């Protein structure tokens, strides 16, 4: 199975400006995705997909190939799937074909090359079209969540509203580290969450996604511990 690893790294970001090149424990956020991808034994080609020349330069500094996406795919309202399909078609014209595409978001950096390879092995073995990395839901379980309508609260899971945490049904949450989809399915369904998918379960202790300034603070502390215990 030939797998194309794509690291999507747009230059613009409103929530945390410049987050993809922000340094965490001495390295740009982007570098963690590159290093994990390069340590994988099963990714056939790894590229950074960007519209930003500074991101492109950092990618090259970390010895990763760069694909410059079209400006129309780099706006605040752009869907990442459009730039990914553009990338697939570019390599297809060069005679390079891939059985599957893996998205490695820089903003979910706490993954390893081993995580990547385990996800690919799940896709190889199963009669599925995609593998998505997940973590088990901990304290923020939907049984503890409510809708509010006209000042009235209604539970999302009333049948489990008063149960102990230990008795709640097991649920899983996407952590953003790995999206792996067969190429033809990706092109036909135009999504990284196709119908026929399975999960690669990761450790919820390392669940962080850099979308806000608070996430920056959390990752700044967590990444050092992750390096000591995982790498």
Protein backbone atom coordinates (compact mmCIF):
# COMPACT_ATOMS: atom_id res chain seq x y z
CA UNK A 1 0.00 0.00 0.00
CA UNK A 2 1.47 3.34 -1.08
CA UNK A 3 0.58 6.13 1.32
CA UNK A 4 0.93 9.86 0.69
CA UNK A 5 1.44 11.78 3.92
CA UNK A 6 0.23 15.38 3.74
CA UNK A 7 0.93 17.98 6.41
CA UNK A 8 -1.50 20.87 5.83
CA UNK A 9 0.00 24.13 7.08
CA UNK A 10 -1.78 27.30 6.00
CA UNK A 11 -0.06 30.59 6.75
CA UNK A 12 -3.11 32.47 8.03
CA UNK A 13 -4.65 31.72 11.41
CA UNK A 14 -7.05 33.93 13.33
CA UNK A 15 -7.32 31.95 16.59
CA UNK A 16 -3.56 31.70 17.19
CA UNK A 17 -1.65 33.77 14.60
CA UNK A 18 1.43 31.98 13.25
CA UNK A 19 0.70 28.83 15.24
CA UNK A 20 2.25 26.43 12.71
CA UNK A 21 5.68 28.01 13.14
CA UNK A 22 5.36 28.85 16.85
CA UNK A 23 8.15 27.20 18.84
CA UNK A 24 7.47 24.52 21.44
CA UNK A 25 10.41 23.20 23.42
CA UNK A 26 12.86 24.54 20.86
CA UNK A 27 11.16 23.49 17.62
CA UNK A 28 8.39 24.89 15.40
CA UNK A 29 5.04 23.18 15.83
CA UNK A 30 5.22 22.11 12.20
CA UNK A 31 8.44 20.20 12.85
CA UNK A 32 6.75 17.66 15.11
CA UNK A 33 4.47 16.51 12.29
CA UNK A 34 7.42 16.35 9.88
CA UNK A 35 9.57 14.33 12.27
CA UNK A 36 6.79 11.84 13.03
CA UNK A 37 6.08 11.41 9.32
CA UNK A 38 9.76 10.85 8.53
CA UNK A 39 10.08 8.23 11.27
CA UNK A 40 7.22 6.24 9.77
CA UNK A 41 8.34 3.13 7.90
CA UNK A 42 5.13 2.88 5.88
CA UNK A 43 4.55 6.38 4.49
CA UNK A 44 5.73 6.37 0.86
CA UNK A 45 6.00 10.15 0.39
CA UNK A 46 5.71 12.99 2.89
CA UNK A 47 4.97 16.58 1.93
CA UNK A 48 4.00 19.85 3.56
CA UNK A 49 1.08 21.51 1.77
CA UNK A 50 1.19 25.27 2.31
CA UNK A 51 0.63 28.71 0.82
CA UNK A 52 3.23 30.39 3.03
CA UNK A 53 6.88 30.90 2.05
CA UNK A 54 8.13 30.97 5.66
CA UNK A 55 6.43 27.66 6.35
CA UNK A 56 7.89 26.31 3.12
CA UNK A 57 11.40 27.35 4.19
CA UNK A 58 11.05 25.76 7.64
CA UNK A 59 9.78 22.57 5.99
CA UNK A 60 12.82 22.47 3.74
CA UNK A 61 15.07 23.14 6.75
CA UNK A 62 13.63 19.96 8.27
CA UNK A 63 14.21 18.15 4.93
CA UNK A 64 10.59 17.77 3.93
CA UNK A 65 9.24 18.21 0.40
CA UNK A 66 6.90 21.18 -0.09
CA UNK A 67 3.80 21.57 -2.24
CA UNK A 68 2.54 25.13 -2.72
CA UNK A 69 -1.25 25.17 -2.74
CA UNK A 70 -3.28 27.55 -4.86
CA UNK A 71 -4.27 30.80 -3.16
CA UNK A 72 -7.94 29.96 -3.64
CA UNK A 73 -7.41 26.98 -1.31
CA UNK A 74 -5.70 29.05 1.39
CA UNK A 75 -8.45 31.36 2.65
CA UNK A 76 -10.22 31.28 6.03
CA UNK A 77 -13.17 29.53 4.42
CA UNK A 78 -11.19 27.02 2.34
CA UNK A 79 -11.76 23.31 2.90
CA UNK A 80 -8.58 21.28 3.36
CA UNK A 81 -10.05 18.55 1.13
CA UNK A 82 -9.76 20.86 -1.89
CA UNK A 83 -6.03 21.42 -1.48
CA UNK A 84 -5.50 17.71 -0.76
CA UNK A 85 -7.25 16.68 -3.98
CA UNK A 86 -5.23 19.30 -5.85
CA UNK A 87 -2.08 17.64 -4.45
CA UNK A 88 -3.21 14.14 -5.43
CA UNK A 89 -3.96 15.28 -8.99
CA UNK A 90 -0.56 16.99 -9.23
CA UNK A 91 1.28 13.77 -8.43
CA UNK A 92 -1.04 11.75 -10.66
CA UNK A 93 0.01 13.90 -13.63
CA UNK A 94 3.62 13.08 -12.75
CA UNK A 95 2.81 9.36 -12.80
CA UNK A 96 2.81 8.97 -9.02
CA UNK A 97 -0.19 7.11 -7.61
CA UNK A 98 -1.10 6.43 -3.99
CA UNK A 99 -3.50 3.92 -2.50
CA UNK A 100 -4.23 6.08 0.53
CA UNK A 101 -3.70 9.58 1.87
CA UNK A 102 -2.83 10.43 5.46
CA UNK A 103 -3.45 13.88 6.89
CA UNK A 104 -1.05 14.88 9.69
CA UNK A 105 -2.27 18.15 11.19
CA UNK A 106 0.54 20.18 12.80
CA UNK A 107 -1.89 21.42 15.45
CA UNK A 108 -2.18 17.91 16.94
CA UNK A 109 1.54 17.21 17.35
CA UNK A 110 1.73 14.48 19.99
CA UNK A 111 2.02 11.48 17.70
CA UNK A 112 4.92 9.23 16.73
CA UNK A 113 6.05 7.37 13.64
CA UNK A 114 4.87 4.20 15.37
CA UNK A 115 1.36 5.68 15.74
CA UNK A 116 1.33 6.41 12.01
CA UNK A 117 2.43 2.91 11.07
CA UNK A 118 -0.09 1.24 13.38
CA UNK A 119 -2.89 3.22 11.71
CA UNK A 120 -1.68 2.16 8.26
CA UNK A 121 -1.56 -1.48 9.39
CA UNK A 122 -5.20 -1.25 10.52
CA UNK A 123 -6.20 0.00 7.07
CA UNK A 124 -4.20 -2.77 5.41
CA UNK A 125 -5.83 -5.53 7.46
CA UNK A 126 -9.43 -4.39 7.64
CA UNK A 127 -12.24 -4.21 5.10
CA UNK A 128 -12.52 -0.48 5.70
CA UNK A 129 -11.93 2.74 3.81
CA UNK A 130 -10.41 4.89 6.54
CA UNK A 131 -8.71 4.96 9.92
CA UNK A 132 -9.17 7.93 12.26
CA UNK A 133 -7.17 8.49 15.45
CA UNK A 134 -9.35 8.70 18.55
CA UNK A 135 -9.10 9.03 22.31
CA UNK A 136 -11.49 7.62 24.87
CA UNK A 137 -13.79 10.31 26.27
CA UNK A 138 -12.90 11.03 29.87
CA UNK A 139 -14.63 13.57 32.13
CA UNK A 140 -16.32 15.58 29.36
CA UNK A 141 -18.74 12.81 28.52
CA UNK A 142 -21.95 13.66 26.60
CA UNK A 143 -23.90 12.30 29.59
CA UNK A 144 -22.71 15.43 31.41
CA UNK A 145 -23.80 17.74 28.58
CA UNK A 146 -27.02 19.66 28.12
CA UNK A 147 -29.01 21.68 25.64
CA UNK A 148 -30.66 24.85 26.81
CA UNK A 149 -33.99 25.89 25.31
CA UNK A 150 -35.95 28.79 26.81
CA UNK A 151 -33.91 28.57 30.04
CA UNK A 152 -34.70 24.86 30.38
CA UNK A 153 -31.92 22.28 30.49
CA UNK A 154 -32.30 18.94 28.75
CA UNK A 155 -29.70 16.18 28.92
CA UNK A 156 -28.10 14.88 25.71
CA UNK A 157 -28.11 11.40 27.25
CA UNK A 158 -30.93 11.37 29.82
CA UNK A 159 -30.68 7.61 30.29
CA UNK A 160 -27.15 8.08 31.67
CA UNK A 161 -27.50 11.51 33.28
CA UNK A 162 -27.05 10.38 36.89
CA UNK A 163 -24.68 7.45 36.39
CA UNK A 164 -21.20 7.31 37.84
CA UNK A 165 -18.36 8.05 35.45
CA UNK A 166 -17.22 4.43 35.72
CA UNK A 167 -20.63 3.20 34.54
CA UNK A 168 -20.99 5.44 31.51
CA UNK A 169 -20.84 3.86 28.02
CA UNK A 170 -17.43 4.07 26.34
CA UNK A 171 -17.30 6.81 23.72
CA UNK A 172 -14.47 8.10 21.58
CA UNK A 173 -13.41 11.53 20.33
CA UNK A 174 -11.32 12.48 17.28
CA UNK A 175 -7.99 13.89 18.47
CA UNK A 176 -6.84 15.27 15.10
CA UNK A 177 -3.53 13.38 14.96
CA UNK A 178 -4.25 10.99 12.08
CA UNK A 179 -6.77 10.89 9.23
CA UNK A 180 -6.04 8.03 6.81
CA UNK A 181 -8.35 7.43 3.84
CA UNK A 182 -8.13 5.35 0.67
CA UNK A 183 -7.51 7.70 -2.23
CA UNK A 184 -10.49 6.78 -4.40
CA UNK A 185 -12.86 7.00 -1.45
CA UNK A 186 -11.42 10.39 -0.53
CA UNK A 187 -11.98 11.69 -4.05
CA UNK A 188 -15.48 10.21 -4.37
CA UNK A 189 -16.83 11.17 -0.95
CA UNK A 190 -14.71 14.33 -0.60
CA UNK A 191 -14.17 13.84 3.11
CA UNK A 192 -11.64 12.48 5.58
CA UNK A 193 -14.57 11.00 7.50
CA UNK A 194 -16.08 8.52 5.02
CA UNK A 195 -18.85 6.11 5.91
CA UNK A 196 -16.80 2.92 6.29
CA UNK A 197 -14.13 3.73 8.87
CA UNK A 198 -12.35 2.35 11.91
CA UNK A 199 -10.32 3.85 14.75
CA UNK A 200 -6.76 3.91 15.97
CA UNK A 201 -7.06 4.54 19.72
CA UNK A 202 -4.45 6.82 21.27
CA UNK A 203 -3.62 7.81 24.84
CA UNK A 204 -6.00 10.52 26.08
CA UNK A 205 -3.26 11.89 28.37
CA UNK A 206 -1.63 13.46 25.30
CA UNK A 207 -4.79 14.89 23.76
CA UNK A 208 -4.14 18.49 22.77
CA UNK A 209 -5.10 20.48 19.67
CA UNK A 210 -3.73 24.01 19.24
CA UNK A 211 -6.74 26.17 18.41
CA UNK A 212 -6.66 28.78 21.20
CA UNK A 213 -4.13 30.62 23.36
CA UNK A 214 -5.00 28.30 26.24
CA UNK A 215 -4.05 25.33 24.05
CA UNK A 216 -0.66 26.98 23.47
CA UNK A 217 -0.05 27.11 27.21
CA UNK A 218 -1.19 23.51 27.72
CA UNK A 219 0.99 22.16 24.91
CA UNK A 220 3.97 24.16 26.15
CA UNK A 221 3.85 22.23 29.42
CA UNK A 222 2.63 18.87 28.12
CA UNK A 223 5.12 18.42 25.28
CA UNK A 224 8.13 18.17 27.60
CA UNK A 225 6.50 15.40 29.61
CA UNK A 226 5.43 13.64 26.39
CA UNK A 227 9.00 13.69 25.10
CA UNK A 228 10.33 12.16 28.34
CA UNK A 229 7.71 9.42 28.51
CA UNK A 230 7.00 8.58 24.85
CA UNK A 231 9.95 9.47 22.61
